[in-house]
Amino acid sequence: MKDKELNEKESLELIARMIRNTRRNLDTGSGNGFLVWGYVGVLVTLAVWAGVTFTGNPVWMWGFWGIPVVGYLLMFLLLRKRQKPVKFYLDKILERV
């Protein structure tokens, strides 16, 4: 495939289109996954701390396995409701990099 030389106007249009695509892909709520994992981590840690502190039983430490269990369950429920965005060739390449 032969690469095409871009003039100044075409180059600026390409950059502007890439910026618009990036803004569209970073919609409101795209950081909800980070919030879910943070809240799950804090809540499970507080529950384990309370269990160990009040009972003195170290078996409560097994409660930390609740972080991935609850986190993956909530992420599954959160992502199931989201619409799948259209992926462009550049998006696929950047995802692989």
PDB file of N, CA and C in Angstrom:
ATOM      1  N   MET A   1       0.838  -1.163   0.000  1.00  0.00           N
ATOM      2  CA  MET A   1       0.000   0.000   0.000  1.00  0.00           C
ATOM      3  C   MET A   1       0.888   1.232   0.000  1.00  0.00           C
ATOM      4  N   LYS A   2       0.568   2.178  -0.839  1.00  0.00           N
ATOM      5  CA  LYS A   2       1.367   3.379  -0.973  1.00  0.00           C
ATOM      6  C   LYS A   2       0.869   4.447  -0.005  1.00  0.00           C
ATOM      7  N   ASP A   3       1.799   5.027   0.765  1.00  0.00           N
ATOM      8  CA  ASP A   3       1.436   6.093   1.691  1.00  0.00           C
ATOM      9  C   ASP A   3       1.208   7.382   0.932  1.00  0.00           C
ATOM     10  N   LYS A   4       0.183   8.092   1.320  1.00  0.00           N
ATOM     11  CA  LYS A   4      -0.158   9.345   0.652  1.00  0.00           C
ATOM     12  C   LYS A   4       0.447  10.500   1.439  1.00  0.00           C
ATOM     13  N   GLU A   5       1.064  11.415   0.746  1.00  0.00           N
ATOM     14  CA  GLU A   5       1.585  12.619   1.383  1.00  0.00           C
ATOM     15  C   GLU A   5       0.412  13.541   1.701  1.00  0.00           C
ATOM     16  N   LEU A   6       0.324  14.001   2.939  1.00  0.00           N
ATOM     17  CA  LEU A   6      -0.764  14.878   3.348  1.00  0.00           C
ATOM     18  C   LEU A   6      -0.292  16.321   3.315  1.00  0.00           C
ATOM     19  N   ASN A   7      -1.157  17.193   2.793  1.00  0.00           N
ATOM     20  CA  ASN A   7      -0.809  18.608   2.866  1.00  0.00           C
ATOM     21  C   ASN A   7      -1.217  19.137   4.236  1.00  0.00           C
ATOM     22  N   GLU A   8      -0.997  20.406   4.454  1.00  0.00           N
ATOM     23  CA  GLU A   8      -1.236  20.995   5.768  1.00  0.00           C
ATOM     24  C   GLU A   8      -2.703  20.914   6.182  1.00  0.00           C
ATOM     25  N   LYS A   9      -3.611  21.178   5.264  1.00  0.00           N
ATOM     26  CA  LYS A   9      -5.041  21.164   5.570  1.00  0.00           C
ATOM     27  C   LYS A   9      -5.530  19.754   5.902  1.00  0.00           C
ATOM     28  N   GLU A  10      -5.106  18.768   5.112  1.00  0.00           N
ATOM     29  CA  GLU A  10      -5.513  17.377   5.367  1.00  0.00           C
ATOM     30  C   GLU A  10      -4.939  16.876   6.683  1.00  0.00           C
ATOM     31  N   SER A  11      -3.723  17.264   6.996  1.00  0.00           N
ATOM     32  CA  SER A  11      -3.097  16.844   8.243  1.00  0.00           C
ATOM     33  C   SER A  11      -3.849  17.395   9.450  1.00  0.00           C
ATOM     34  N   LEU A  12      -4.209  18.681   9.388  1.00  0.00           N
ATOM     35  CA  LEU A  12      -4.970  19.274  10.492  1.00  0.00           C
ATOM     36  C   LEU A  12      -6.353  18.641  10.618  1.00  0.00           C
ATOM     37  N   GLU A  13      -6.986  18.305   9.501  1.00  0.00           N
ATOM     38  CA  GLU A  13      -8.296  17.643   9.539  1.00  0.00           C
ATOM     39  C   GLU A  13      -8.184  16.254  10.168  1.00  0.00           C
ATOM     40  N   LEU A  14      -7.125  15.531   9.844  1.00  0.00           N
ATOM     41  CA  LEU A  14      -6.911  14.207  10.426  1.00  0.00           C
ATOM     42  C   LEU A  14      -6.714  14.303  11.936  1.00  0.00           C
ATOM     43  N   ILE A  15      -5.924  15.266  12.379  1.00  0.00           N
ATOM     44  CA  ILE A  15      -5.694  15.445  13.816  1.00  0.00           C
ATOM     45  C   ILE A  15      -6.998  15.835  14.516  1.00  0.00           C
ATOM     46  N   ALA A  16      -7.774  16.738  13.910  1.00  0.00           N
ATOM     47  CA  ALA A  16      -9.042  17.155  14.515  1.00  0.00           C
ATOM     48  C   ALA A  16     -10.019  15.993  14.606  1.00  0.00           C
ATOM     49  N   ARG A  17     -10.051  15.144  13.585  1.00  0.00           N
ATOM     50  CA  ARG A  17     -10.947  13.978  13.596  1.00  0.00           C
ATOM     51  C   ARG A  17     -10.536  12.995  14.690  1.00  0.00           C
ATOM     52  N   MET A  18      -9.231  12.795  14.871  1.00  0.00           N
ATOM     53  CA  MET A  18      -8.765  11.885  15.914  1.00  0.00           C
ATOM     54  C   MET A  18      -9.119  12.425  17.299  1.00  0.00           C
ATOM     55  N   ILE A  19      -9.014  13.735  17.491  1.00  0.00           N
ATOM     56  CA  ILE A  19      -9.381  14.335  18.778  1.00  0.00           C
ATOM     57  C   ILE A  19     -10.875  14.186  19.027  1.00  0.00           C
ATOM     58  N   ARG A  20     -11.706  14.393  18.001  1.00  0.00           N
ATOM     59  CA  ARG A  20     -13.157  14.212  18.162  1.00  0.00           C
ATOM     60  C   ARG A  20     -13.490  12.771  18.521  1.00  0.00           C
ATOM     61  N   ASN A  21     -12.833  11.801  17.868  1.00  0.00           N
ATOM     62  CA  ASN A  21     -13.084  10.392  18.179  1.00  0.00           C
ATOM     63  C   ASN A  21     -12.691  10.077  19.611  1.00  0.00           C
ATOM     64  N   THR A  22     -11.575  10.614  20.067  1.00  0.00           N
ATOM     65  CA  THR A  22     -11.136  10.367  21.440  1.00  0.00           C
ATOM     66  C   THR A  22     -12.115  10.957  22.437  1.00  0.00           C
ATOM     67  N   ARG A  23     -12.580  12.154  22.179  1.00  0.00           N
ATOM     68  CA  ARG A  23     -13.564  12.774  23.081  1.00  0.00           C
ATOM     69  C   ARG A  23     -14.857  11.975  23.121  1.00  0.00           C
ATOM     70  N   ARG A  24     -15.285  11.465  21.983  1.00  0.00           N
ATOM     71  CA  ARG A  24     -16.514  10.684  21.928  1.00  0.00           C
ATOM     72  C   ARG A  24     -16.358   9.371  22.693  1.00  0.00           C
ATOM     73  N   ASN A  25     -15.174   8.760  22.605  1.00  0.00           N
ATOM     74  CA  ASN A  25     -14.956   7.484  23.282  1.00  0.00           C
ATOM     75  C   ASN A  25     -14.813   7.644  24.792  1.00  0.00           C
ATOM     76  N   LEU A  26     -14.464   8.832  25.248  1.00  0.00           N
ATOM     77  CA  LEU A  26     -14.336   9.088  26.683  1.00  0.00           C
ATOM     78  C   LEU A  26     -15.604   9.761  27.191  1.00  0.00           C
ATOM     79  N   ASP A  27     -16.700   9.069  27.079  1.00  0.00           N
ATOM     80  CA  ASP A  27     -17.989   9.605  27.504  1.00  0.00           C
ATOM     81  C   ASP A  27     -18.074   9.716  29.016  1.00  0.00           C
ATOM     82  N   THR A  28     -19.134  10.364  29.448  1.00  0.00           N
ATOM     83  CA  THR A  28     -19.415  10.465  30.872  1.00  0.00           C
ATOM     84  C   THR A  28     -19.642   9.066  31.435  1.00  0.00           C
ATOM     85  N   GLY A  29     -19.030   8.783  32.546  1.00  0.00           N
ATOM     86  CA  GLY A  29     -19.188   7.474  33.172  1.00  0.00           C
ATOM     87  C   GLY A  29     -18.137   6.475  32.755  1.00  0.00           C
ATOM     88  N   SER A  30     -17.158   6.893  31.964  1.00  0.00           N
ATOM     89  CA  SER A  30     -16.148   5.931  31.529  1.00  0.00           C
ATOM     90  C   SER A  30     -15.191   5.555  32.662  1.00  0.00           C
ATOM     91  N   GLY A  31     -15.179   6.323  33.736  1.00  0.00           N
ATOM     92  CA  GLY A  31     -14.323   6.006  34.879  1.00  0.00           C
ATOM     93  C   GLY A  31     -15.052   5.280  35.993  1.00  0.00           C
ATOM     94  N   ASN A  32     -16.269   4.842  35.728  1.00  0.00           N
ATOM     95  CA  ASN A  32     -17.053   4.174  36.769  1.00  0.00           C
ATOM     96  C   ASN A  32     -16.415   2.873  37.240  1.00  0.00           C
ATOM     97  N   GLY A  33     -15.702   2.197  36.365  1.00  0.00           N
ATOM     98  CA  GLY A  33     -15.042   0.957  36.763  1.00  0.00           C
ATOM     99  C   GLY A  33     -14.013   1.185  37.857  1.00  0.00           C
ATOM    100  N   PHE A  34     -13.265   2.287  37.739  1.00  0.00           N
ATOM    101  CA  PHE A  34     -12.286   2.609  38.781  1.00  0.00           C
ATOM    102  C   PHE A  34     -12.978   2.888  40.106  1.00  0.00           C
ATOM    103  N   LEU A  35     -14.108   3.569  40.041  1.00  0.00           N
ATOM    104  CA  LEU A  35     -14.861   3.843  41.267  1.00  0.00           C
ATOM    105  C   LEU A  35     -15.400   2.565  41.891  1.00  0.00           C
ATOM    106  N   VAL A  36     -15.904   1.656  41.062  1.00  0.00           N
ATOM    107  CA  VAL A  36     -16.436   0.387  41.578  1.00  0.00           C
ATOM    108  C   VAL A  36     -15.344  -0.369  42.321  1.00  0.00           C
ATOM    109  N   TRP A  37     -14.169  -0.522  41.693  1.00  0.00           N
ATOM    110  CA  TRP A  37     -13.090  -1.269  42.338  1.00  0.00           C
ATOM    111  C   TRP A  37     -12.605  -0.569  43.604  1.00  0.00           C
ATOM    112  N   GLY A  38     -12.564   0.757  43.594  1.00  0.00           N
ATOM    113  CA  GLY A  38     -12.149   1.490  44.788  1.00  0.00           C
ATOM    114  C   GLY A  38     -13.118   1.311  45.938  1.00  0.00           C
ATOM    115  N   TYR A  39     -14.413   1.468  45.658  1.00  0.00           N
ATOM    116  CA  TYR A  39     -15.417   1.302  46.709  1.00  0.00           C
ATOM    117  C   TYR A  39     -15.449  -0.129  47.239  1.00  0.00           C
ATOM    118  N   VAL A  40     -15.348  -1.094  46.345  1.00  0.00           N
ATOM    119  CA  VAL A  40     -15.349  -2.496  46.791  1.00  0.00           C
ATOM    120  C   VAL A  40     -14.140  -2.763  47.680  1.00  0.00           C
ATOM    121  N   GLY A  41     -12.992  -2.256  47.268  1.00  0.00           N
ATOM    122  CA  GLY A  41     -11.781  -2.458  48.069  1.00  0.00           C
ATOM    123  C   GLY A  41     -11.902  -1.843  49.450  1.00  0.00           C
ATOM    124  N   VAL A  42     -12.429  -0.634  49.520  1.00  0.00           N
ATOM    125  CA  VAL A  42     -12.579   0.038  50.815  1.00  0.00           C
ATOM    126  C   VAL A  42     -13.597  -0.687  51.689  1.00  0.00           C
ATOM    127  N   LEU A  43     -14.747  -1.042  51.127  1.00  0.00           N
ATOM    128  CA  LEU A  43     -15.788  -1.695  51.933  1.00  0.00           C
ATOM    129  C   LEU A  43     -15.356  -3.065  52.448  1.00  0.00           C
ATOM    130  N   VAL A  44     -14.711  -3.850  51.593  1.00  0.00           N
ATOM    131  CA  VAL A  44     -14.259  -5.172  52.045  1.00  0.00           C
ATOM    132  C   VAL A  44     -13.154  -5.027  53.090  1.00  0.00           C
ATOM    133  N   THR A  45     -12.255  -4.067  52.893  1.00  0.00           N
ATOM    134  CA  THR A  45     -11.196  -3.853  53.873  1.00  0.00           C
ATOM    135  C   THR A  45     -11.771  -3.437  55.219  1.00  0.00           C
ATOM    136  N   LEU A  46     -12.750  -2.555  55.223  1.00  0.00           N
ATOM    137  CA  LEU A  46     -13.386  -2.166  56.482  1.00  0.00           C
ATOM    138  C   LEU A  46     -14.099  -3.337  57.141  1.00  0.00           C
ATOM    139  N   ALA A  47     -14.744  -4.173  56.346  1.00  0.00           N
ATOM    140  CA  ALA A  47     -15.433  -5.345  56.908  1.00  0.00           C
ATOM    141  C   ALA A  47     -14.431  -6.326  57.514  1.00  0.00           C
ATOM    142  N   VAL A  48     -13.314  -6.559  56.824  1.00  0.00           N
ATOM    143  CA  VAL A  48     -12.300  -7.472  57.354  1.00  0.00           C
ATOM    144  C   VAL A  48     -11.672  -6.883  58.610  1.00  0.00           C
ATOM    145  N   TRP A  49     -11.367  -5.600  58.576  1.00  0.00           N
ATOM    146  CA  TRP A  49     -10.777  -4.953  59.751  1.00  0.00           C
ATOM    147  C   TRP A  49     -11.714  -5.054  60.958  1.00  0.00           C
ATOM    148  N   ALA A  50     -13.011  -4.783  60.725  1.00  0.00           N
ATOM    149  CA  ALA A  50     -13.981  -4.864  61.821  1.00  0.00           C
ATOM    150  C   ALA A  50     -14.082  -6.297  62.338  1.00  0.00           C
ATOM    151  N   GLY A  51     -14.087  -7.261  61.438  1.00  0.00           N
ATOM    152  CA  GLY A  51     -14.172  -8.660  61.869  1.00  0.00           C
ATOM    153  C   GLY A  51     -12.971  -9.091  62.692  1.00  0.00           C
ATOM    154  N   VAL A  52     -11.776  -8.709  62.258  1.00  0.00           N
ATOM    155  CA  VAL A  52     -10.567  -9.095  63.004  1.00  0.00           C
ATOM    156  C   VAL A  52     -10.489  -8.338  64.325  1.00  0.00           C
ATOM    157  N   THR A  53     -10.845  -7.062  64.308  1.00  0.00           N
ATOM    158  CA  THR A  53     -10.742  -6.241  65.524  1.00  0.00           C
ATOM    159  C   THR A  53     -11.725  -6.690  66.596  1.00  0.00           C
ATOM    160  N   PHE A  54     -12.961  -6.923  66.214  1.00  0.00           N
ATOM    161  CA  PHE A  54     -13.976  -7.226  67.218  1.00  0.00           C
ATOM    162  C   PHE A  54     -13.999  -8.682  67.649  1.00  0.00           C
ATOM    163  N   THR A  55     -13.561  -9.594  66.795  1.00  0.00           N
ATOM    164  CA  THR A  55     -13.577 -11.007  67.184  1.00  0.00           C
ATOM    165  C   THR A  55     -12.195 -11.534  67.527  1.00  0.00           C
ATOM    166  N   GLY A  56     -11.149 -10.903  66.994  1.00  0.00           N
ATOM    167  CA  GLY A  56      -9.791 -11.379  67.245  1.00  0.00           C
ATOM    168  C   GLY A  56      -9.466 -12.646  66.474  1.00  0.00           C
ATOM    169  N   ASN A  57     -10.323 -13.049  65.578  1.00  0.00           N
ATOM    170  CA  ASN A  57     -10.136 -14.276  64.806  1.00  0.00           C
ATOM    171  C   ASN A  57      -9.494 -13.931  63.455  1.00  0.00           C
ATOM    172  N   PRO A  58      -8.292 -14.462  63.156  1.00  0.00           N
ATOM    173  CA  PRO A  58      -7.625 -14.131  61.893  1.00  0.00           C
ATOM    174  C   PRO A  58      -8.265 -14.768  60.657  1.00  0.00           C
ATOM    175  N   VAL A  59      -9.262 -15.620  60.853  1.00  0.00           N
ATOM    176  CA  VAL A  59      -9.945 -16.232  59.714  1.00  0.00           C
ATOM    177  C   VAL A  59     -10.652 -15.163  58.870  1.00  0.00           C
ATOM    178  N   TRP A  60     -10.951 -14.031  59.482  1.00  0.00           N
ATOM    179  CA  TRP A  60     -11.581 -12.935  58.748  1.00  0.00           C
ATOM    180  C   TRP A  60     -10.721 -12.446  57.581  1.00  0.00           C
ATOM    181  N   MET A  61      -9.423 -12.725  57.619  1.00  0.00           N
ATOM    182  CA  MET A  61      -8.529 -12.302  56.533  1.00  0.00           C
ATOM    183  C   MET A  61      -8.926 -12.934  55.196  1.00  0.00           C
ATOM    184  N   TRP A  62      -9.592 -14.067  55.244  1.00  0.00           N
ATOM    185  CA  TRP A  62     -10.060 -14.693  54.007  1.00  0.00           C
ATOM    186  C   TRP A  62     -11.105 -13.827  53.309  1.00  0.00           C
ATOM    187  N   GLY A  63     -11.633 -12.854  54.015  1.00  0.00           N
ATOM    188  CA  GLY A  63     -12.617 -11.948  53.429  1.00  0.00           C
ATOM    189  C   GLY A  63     -12.055 -11.098  52.296  1.00  0.00           C
ATOM    190  N   PHE A  64     -10.729 -10.960  52.233  1.00  0.00           N
ATOM    191  CA  PHE A  64     -10.145 -10.190  51.140  1.00  0.00           C
ATOM    192  C   PHE A  64     -10.391 -10.839  49.785  1.00  0.00           C
ATOM    193  N   TRP A  65     -10.721 -12.119  49.781  1.00  0.00           N
ATOM    194  CA  TRP A  65     -11.086 -12.764  48.504  1.00  0.00           C
ATOM    195  C   TRP A  65     -12.421 -12.254  47.991  1.00  0.00           C
ATOM    196  N   GLY A  66     -13.113 -11.505  48.806  1.00  0.00           N
ATOM    197  CA  GLY A  66     -14.362 -10.900  48.364  1.00  0.00           C
ATOM    198  C   GLY A  66     -14.153  -9.737  47.404  1.00  0.00           C
ATOM    199  N   ILE A  67     -12.952  -9.139  47.407  1.00  0.00           N
ATOM    200  CA  ILE A  67     -12.704  -8.015  46.505  1.00  0.00           C
ATOM    201  C   ILE A  67     -12.852  -8.440  45.044  1.00  0.00           C
ATOM    202  N   PRO A  68     -12.141  -9.484  44.576  1.00  0.00           N
ATOM    203  CA  PRO A  68     -12.335  -9.833  43.162  1.00  0.00           C
ATOM    204  C   PRO A  68     -13.723 -10.415  42.879  1.00  0.00           C
ATOM    205  N   VAL A  69     -14.281 -11.144  43.826  1.00  0.00           N
ATOM    206  CA  VAL A  69     -15.599 -11.751  43.588  1.00  0.00           C
ATOM    207  C   VAL A  69     -16.656 -10.669  43.409  1.00  0.00           C
ATOM    208  N   VAL A  70     -16.729  -9.749  44.355  1.00  0.00           N
ATOM    209  CA  VAL A  70     -17.729  -8.688  44.289  1.00  0.00           C
ATOM    210  C   VAL A  70     -17.392  -7.709  43.162  1.00  0.00           C
ATOM    211  N   GLY A  71     -16.103  -7.399  42.992  1.00  0.00           N
ATOM    212  CA  GLY A  71     -15.701  -6.460  41.953  1.00  0.00           C
ATOM    213  C   GLY A  71     -16.043  -6.941  40.558  1.00  0.00           C
ATOM    214  N   TYR A  72     -15.726  -8.205  40.253  1.00  0.00           N
ATOM    215  CA  TYR A  72     -16.038  -8.733  38.925  1.00  0.00           C
ATOM    216  C   TYR A  72     -17.549  -8.841  38.703  1.00  0.00           C
ATOM    217  N   LEU A  73     -18.284  -9.177  39.748  1.00  0.00           N
ATOM    218  CA  LEU A  73     -19.739  -9.249  39.620  1.00  0.00           C
ATOM    219  C   LEU A  73     -20.323  -7.871  39.306  1.00  0.00           C
ATOM    220  N   LEU A  74     -19.873  -6.849  40.031  1.00  0.00           N
ATOM    221  CA  LEU A  74     -20.381  -5.506  39.774  1.00  0.00           C
ATOM    222  C   LEU A  74     -19.940  -4.987  38.408  1.00  0.00           C
ATOM    223  N   MET A  75     -18.718  -5.304  37.989  1.00  0.00           N
ATOM    224  CA  MET A  75     -18.262  -4.869  36.664  1.00  0.00           C
ATOM    225  C   MET A  75     -19.067  -5.548  35.564  1.00  0.00           C
ATOM    226  N   PHE A  76     -19.396  -6.820  35.759  1.00  0.00           N
ATOM    227  CA  PHE A  76     -20.217  -7.529  34.791  1.00  0.00           C
ATOM    228  C   PHE A  76     -21.575  -6.857  34.650  1.00  0.00           C
ATOM    229  N   LEU A  77     -22.180  -6.510  35.777  1.00  0.00           N
ATOM    230  CA  LEU A  77     -23.484  -5.854  35.748  1.00  0.00           C
ATOM    231  C   LEU A  77     -23.390  -4.456  35.153  1.00  0.00           C
ATOM    232  N   LEU A  78     -22.305  -3.747  35.441  1.00  0.00           N
ATOM    233  CA  LEU A  78     -22.134  -2.391  34.932  1.00  0.00           C
ATOM    234  C   LEU A  78     -21.891  -2.387  33.426  1.00  0.00           C
ATOM    235  N   LEU A  79     -21.064  -3.305  32.936  1.00  0.00           N
ATOM    236  CA  LEU A  79     -20.721  -3.329  31.516  1.00  0.00           C
ATOM    237  C   LEU A  79     -21.824  -3.937  30.657  1.00  0.00           C
ATOM    238  N   ARG A  80     -22.671  -4.729  31.262  1.00  0.00           N
ATOM    239  CA  ARG A  80     -23.751  -5.356  30.505  1.00  0.00           C
ATOM    240  C   ARG A  80     -24.745  -4.312  30.007  1.00  0.00           C
ATOM    241  N   LYS A  81     -24.944  -3.255  30.786  1.00  0.00           N
ATOM    242  CA  LYS A  81     -25.905  -2.223  30.426  1.00  0.00           C
ATOM    243  C   LYS A  81     -25.344  -1.228  29.422  1.00  0.00           C
ATOM    244  N   ARG A  82     -24.031  -1.141  29.297  1.00  0.00           N
ATOM    245  CA  ARG A  82     -23.404  -0.154  28.417  1.00  0.00           C
ATOM    246  C   ARG A  82     -23.482  -0.601  26.963  1.00  0.00           C
ATOM    247  N   GLN A  83     -23.743   0.348  26.075  1.00  0.00           N
ATOM    248  CA  GLN A  83     -23.766   0.049  24.656  1.00  0.00           C
ATOM    249  C   GLN A  83     -22.338  -0.103  24.158  1.00  0.00           C
ATOM    250  N   LYS A  84     -22.146  -0.992  23.198  1.00  0.00           N
ATOM    251  CA  LYS A  84     -20.817  -1.198  22.654  1.00  0.00           C
ATOM    252  C   LYS A  84     -20.527  -0.099  21.626  1.00  0.00           C
ATOM    253  N   PRO A  85     -19.414   0.607  21.818  1.00  0.00           N
ATOM    254  CA  PRO A  85     -19.108   1.694  20.877  1.00  0.00           C
ATOM    255  C   PRO A  85     -18.566   1.152  19.560  1.00  0.00           C
ATOM    256  N   VAL A  86     -18.670   1.966  18.538  1.00  0.00           N
ATOM    257  CA  VAL A  86     -18.114   1.619  17.244  1.00  0.00           C
ATOM    258  C   VAL A  86     -16.607   1.765  17.334  1.00  0.00           C
ATOM    259  N   LYS A  87     -15.881   0.767  16.836  1.00  0.00           N
ATOM    260  CA  LYS A  87     -14.426   0.816  16.891  1.00  0.00           C
ATOM    261  C   LYS A  87     -13.873   1.061  15.503  1.00  0.00           C
ATOM    262  N   PHE A  88     -13.016   2.054  15.425  1.00  0.00           N
ATOM    263  CA  PHE A  88     -12.346   2.360  14.184  1.00  0.00           C
ATOM    264  C   PHE A  88     -11.027   1.607  14.127  1.00  0.00           C
ATOM    265  N   TYR A  89     -10.415   1.616  12.966  1.00  0.00           N
ATOM    266  CA  TYR A  89      -9.143   0.918  12.793  1.00  0.00           C
ATOM    267  C   TYR A  89      -8.097   1.454  13.768  1.00  0.00           C
ATOM    268  N   LEU A  90      -8.026   2.771  13.916  1.00  0.00           N
ATOM    269  CA  LEU A  90      -7.050   3.377  14.818  1.00  0.00           C
ATOM    270  C   LEU A  90      -7.308   2.960  16.260  1.00  0.00           C
ATOM    271  N   ASP A  91      -8.566   2.862  16.655  1.00  0.00           N
ATOM    272  CA  ASP A  91      -8.906   2.415  18.008  1.00  0.00           C
ATOM    273  C   ASP A  91      -8.415   1.002  18.255  1.00  0.00           C
ATOM    274  N   LYS A  92      -8.570   0.122  17.269  1.00  0.00           N
ATOM    275  CA  LYS A  92      -8.112  -1.262  17.423  1.00  0.00           C
ATOM    276  C   LYS A  92      -6.603  -1.329  17.551  1.00  0.00           C
ATOM    277  N   ILE A  93      -5.903  -0.519  16.760  1.00  0.00           N
ATOM    278  CA  ILE A  93      -4.440  -0.513  16.819  1.00  0.00           C
ATOM    279  C   ILE A  93      -3.961   0.008  18.168  1.00  0.00           C
ATOM    280  N   LEU A  94      -4.553   1.102  18.633  1.00  0.00           N
ATOM    281  CA  LEU A  94      -4.154   1.660  19.931  1.00  0.00           C
ATOM    282  C   LEU A  94      -4.470   0.703  21.077  1.00  0.00           C
ATOM    283  N   GLU A  95      -5.547  -0.053  20.956  1.00  0.00           N
ATOM    284  CA  GLU A  95      -5.909  -1.018  21.990  1.00  0.00           C
ATOM    285  C   GLU A  95      -4.881  -2.135  22.070  1.00  0.00           C
ATOM    286  N   ARG A  96      -4.345  -2.531  20.927  1.00  0.00           N
ATOM    287  CA  ARG A  96      -3.344  -3.603  20.897  1.00  0.00           C
ATOM    288  C   ARG A  96      -1.987  -3.132  21.389  1.00  0.00           C
ATOM    289  N   VAL A  97      -1.706  -1.851  21.195  1.00  0.00           N
ATOM    290  CA  VAL A  97      -0.423  -1.298  21.655  1.00  0.00           C
ATOM    291  C   VAL A  97      -0.461  -1.160  23.144  1.00  0.00           C
TER     292      VAL A  97
END
